[in-house]
Each structure stands twice: as structure tokens, then as C-alpha cells.
Amino acid sequence: MRIHIATDHAGLEFSTQLQHHLAEAGHEVVDHGPVEYDALDDYPAFCIRAAQATIDDQRAGVEALGVVFGGSGNGEQIAANKVEGIRAALVWSIATAELAREHNDANVIAIGARQHTFDEVAGFIDRFIATPFSNEERHVRRIAQIADFERDGSLLPDPRA
């Protein structure tokens, strides 16, 4: 599987370690930056590029997922979610990694590098990669509703109206 990675300065060391971990597991890793530590770097472009590459690969039929890091992972998740077709989930446990894939068919995960040890992070990512989407009708339906809104702003009728 191809894994697209991006980070900010807070996650640079994790990103480097993770690239080795994933490559050793047989994955193709694409690093979207940064390449050197800069405490004032701006993460949005790195994360957006990783998300764009993830969705471009998926639309081309390439098996791909994305991982974005930051101090908390929040800003990186927000940036990745601005890319059409991306469903980025903030992951902080094995359970949230599984549910992101099983229920939401998340294609990018965001992780707070300052919140976890490397071994925890590697475990979250390994579980995310290994967990398939459930394809349950209710989850498919909900993801389609999100995609509809993203595409044209449509929502189901408000039942309170």
C-alpha cells in the first residue's frame, strides 16, 4: 500500500521513524514534508498535499492512505479535510483507528505527536492500515450524505421543519 505522510515541526521525528517502520512492513511511503526542522513552518500545505495525493491515488485505483502529524493533530486534520473526498479522522487510540476505517472509511488519519509515544503511534497506524471498511449500509449511506454536502451543499430535509 502507498502511504502519504506529512507533518509539522512537532511531528518531524515521528514522521522519519514512521517512514522506516512502514517501509519495513512493505509499504511504499511518500513524504510530503517538511524535510528539515523549522519551528515556524506552516503545516497546512504539507498536509493538504498529502491528502491530495491520497485521494488522487485512490481515484486512480491505487491502494493508498494518508497520515498527518502535528503537536495535537487537530490543525493537520482540519487541513487534510479541506481536500474534496478526504475523510480525515483524529486518532488517539487503537479503537479510534479501527472505527475511523470501519465506520467512516477514513482515508487519512491525524495524530498528535506530542500526545503519544512512537510505539503507540505505530500501533495506531498499523491498525488503521489493517482495518477494512465494513461496507455496512448505514455507514455507506452516511458517508454518501457527507459527500453530497461536500459536492453541492445538499442535506437531507430537516425533520423538525
Protein backbone atom coordinates (compact mmCIF):
# COMPACT_ATOMS: atom_id res chain seq x y z
CA MET A 1 0.00 0.00 0.00
CA ARG A 2 1.14 3.56 -0.65
CA ILE A 3 1.14 5.75 2.45
CA HIS A 4 1.31 9.54 2.09
CA ILE A 5 2.82 11.31 5.11
CA ALA A 6 3.03 14.96 6.15
CA THR A 7 3.76 16.74 9.39
CA ASP A 8 4.72 19.98 11.02
CA HIS A 9 7.89 20.54 13.02
CA ALA A 10 6.39 18.84 16.09
CA GLY A 11 5.96 15.56 14.24
CA LEU A 12 9.14 15.53 12.15
CA GLU A 13 10.97 12.96 14.27
CA PHE A 14 7.89 10.71 14.38
CA SER A 15 7.48 11.05 10.64
CA THR A 16 11.06 9.95 10.00
CA GLN A 17 10.73 6.96 12.35
CA LEU A 18 7.36 6.05 10.90
CA GLN A 19 8.64 6.09 7.34
CA HIS A 20 11.21 3.45 8.29
CA HIS A 21 8.60 1.42 10.18
CA LEU A 22 6.17 1.44 7.25
CA ALA A 23 8.84 0.70 4.64
CA GLU A 24 9.99 -2.29 6.71
CA ALA A 25 6.38 -3.50 6.69
CA GLY A 26 6.42 -3.41 2.88
CA HIS A 27 4.57 -0.15 2.26
CA GLU A 28 5.58 2.50 -0.23
CA VAL A 29 5.97 5.75 1.70
CA VAL A 30 5.68 9.19 0.10
CA ASP A 31 6.89 12.08 2.27
CA HIS A 32 5.17 15.41 1.62
CA GLY A 33 7.29 17.37 4.05
CA PRO A 34 8.84 19.07 5.71
CA VAL A 35 12.37 17.83 5.09
CA GLU A 36 14.08 19.73 7.90
CA TYR A 37 13.14 21.14 11.28
CA ASP A 38 11.78 24.67 11.28
CA ALA A 39 9.89 25.70 14.41
CA LEU A 40 7.99 28.30 12.36
CA ASP A 41 6.94 26.07 9.48
CA ASP A 42 3.37 26.16 8.23
CA TYR A 43 1.85 22.67 8.15
CA PRO A 44 -1.29 23.26 6.03
CA ALA A 45 0.45 22.96 2.64
CA PHE A 46 2.26 19.76 3.69
CA CYS A 47 -0.95 18.15 4.94
CA ILE A 48 -3.06 19.29 2.02
CA ARG A 49 -0.51 17.90 -0.45
CA ALA A 50 -0.53 14.54 1.35
CA ALA A 51 -4.34 14.50 1.30
CA GLN A 52 -4.46 15.46 -2.38
CA ALA A 53 -2.01 12.71 -3.27
CA THR A 54 -4.02 10.19 -1.24
CA ILE A 55 -7.31 10.94 -2.99
CA ASP A 56 -5.62 11.20 -6.40
CA ASP A 57 -4.15 7.73 -5.90
CA GLN A 58 -7.44 6.29 -4.70
CA ARG A 59 -9.32 7.74 -7.67
CA ALA A 60 -6.67 6.23 -9.97
CA GLY A 61 -7.23 2.81 -8.39
CA VAL A 62 -4.04 2.83 -6.30
CA GLU A 63 -4.41 1.46 -2.78
CA ALA A 64 -3.39 4.45 -0.66
CA LEU A 65 -3.94 6.06 2.73
CA GLY A 66 -2.57 9.18 4.40
CA VAL A 67 -1.09 10.03 7.79
CA VAL A 68 -0.61 13.60 9.04
CA PHE A 69 1.10 14.64 12.28
CA GLY A 70 1.34 17.70 14.43
CA GLY A 71 1.61 18.57 18.09
CA SER A 72 -2.06 17.70 18.65
CA GLY A 73 -3.09 16.55 15.17
CA ASN A 74 -6.07 18.92 15.19
CA GLY A 75 -4.85 21.50 12.70
CA GLU A 76 -3.45 18.82 10.44
CA GLN A 77 -6.80 17.02 10.42
CA ILE A 78 -8.60 20.25 9.58
CA ALA A 79 -6.18 21.00 6.72
CA ALA A 80 -6.49 17.49 5.25
CA ASN A 81 -10.29 17.61 5.46
CA LYS A 82 -10.35 20.64 3.17
CA VAL A 83 -9.48 18.35 0.25
CA GLU A 84 -12.55 17.04 -1.54
CA GLY A 85 -13.01 13.33 -0.95
CA ILE A 86 -10.84 13.19 2.14
CA ARG A 87 -12.24 11.85 5.37
CA ALA A 88 -9.51 12.58 7.91
CA ALA A 89 -10.00 11.32 11.45
CA LEU A 90 -8.16 12.36 14.58
CA VAL A 91 -6.85 9.14 16.11
CA TRP A 92 -5.74 8.78 19.72
CA SER A 93 -6.27 5.07 20.42
CA ILE A 94 -6.42 1.68 18.75
CA ALA A 95 -10.23 1.87 18.96
CA THR A 96 -10.43 5.23 17.19
CA ALA A 97 -8.06 3.95 14.49
CA GLU A 98 -10.31 0.93 13.89
CA LEU A 99 -13.55 2.91 13.95
CA ALA A 100 -12.16 5.54 11.59
CA ARG A 101 -11.78 2.81 8.95
CA GLU A 102 -14.69 0.50 9.86
CA HIS A 103 -17.41 3.15 10.19
CA ASN A 104 -16.13 6.22 8.34
CA ASP A 105 -13.90 4.72 5.64
CA ALA A 106 -11.37 7.35 6.68
CA ASN A 107 -8.58 7.67 4.15
CA VAL A 108 -6.32 9.92 6.25
CA ILE A 109 -5.58 9.90 9.95
CA ALA A 110 -4.21 12.72 12.04
CA ILE A 111 -2.18 12.04 15.15
CA GLY A 112 -0.78 14.30 17.85
CA ALA A 113 2.94 13.55 18.02
CA ARG A 114 3.24 15.30 21.38
CA GLN A 115 0.44 13.17 22.82
CA HIS A 116 1.82 9.65 22.30
CA THR A 117 4.92 7.50 22.27
CA PHE A 118 6.27 6.28 18.96
CA ASP A 119 5.18 2.72 19.74
CA GLU A 120 1.62 3.91 20.38
CA VAL A 121 1.59 5.87 17.14
CA ALA A 122 2.97 2.95 15.14
CA GLY A 123 0.25 0.74 16.64
CA PHE A 124 -2.50 3.20 15.72
CA ILE A 125 -1.25 3.45 12.15
CA ASP A 126 -0.73 -0.28 11.73
CA ARG A 127 -4.28 -0.92 12.94
CA PHE A 128 -5.68 1.83 10.69
CA ILE A 129 -3.97 0.31 7.66
CA ALA A 130 -5.04 -3.24 8.53
CA THR A 131 -8.69 -2.45 9.24
CA PRO A 132 -11.09 -2.62 6.29
CA PHE A 133 -14.21 -0.52 5.82
CA SER A 134 -17.24 -2.51 7.00
CA ASN A 135 -19.37 -1.58 3.96
CA GLU A 136 -22.43 -1.69 6.21
CA GLU A 137 -25.34 0.10 4.55
CA ARG A 138 -25.76 2.65 7.35
CA HIS A 139 -22.12 3.71 7.08
CA VAL A 140 -22.21 3.82 3.28
CA ARG A 141 -25.36 5.97 3.49
CA ARG A 142 -23.82 8.42 5.97
CA ILE A 143 -20.59 8.78 4.01
CA ALA A 144 -22.66 9.47 0.88
CA GLN A 145 -24.53 12.23 2.74
CA ILE A 146 -21.22 13.86 3.68
CA ALA A 147 -20.01 13.57 0.08
CA ASP A 148 -23.27 15.09 -1.22
CA PHE A 149 -22.86 18.10 1.05
CA GLU A 150 -19.21 18.46 0.11
CA ARG A 151 -20.09 18.33 -3.60
CA ASP A 152 -23.20 20.52 -3.80
CA GLY A 153 -24.31 21.58 -0.32
CA SER A 154 -27.30 19.27 -0.25
CA LEU A 155 -28.64 17.90 3.02
CA LEU A 156 -31.49 15.60 3.92
CA PRO A 157 -34.66 17.52 4.86
CA ASP A 158 -34.71 18.76 8.45
CA PRO A 159 -37.24 16.55 10.29
CA ARG A 160 -38.02 19.44 12.66
CA ALA A 161 -39.22 21.65 9.83
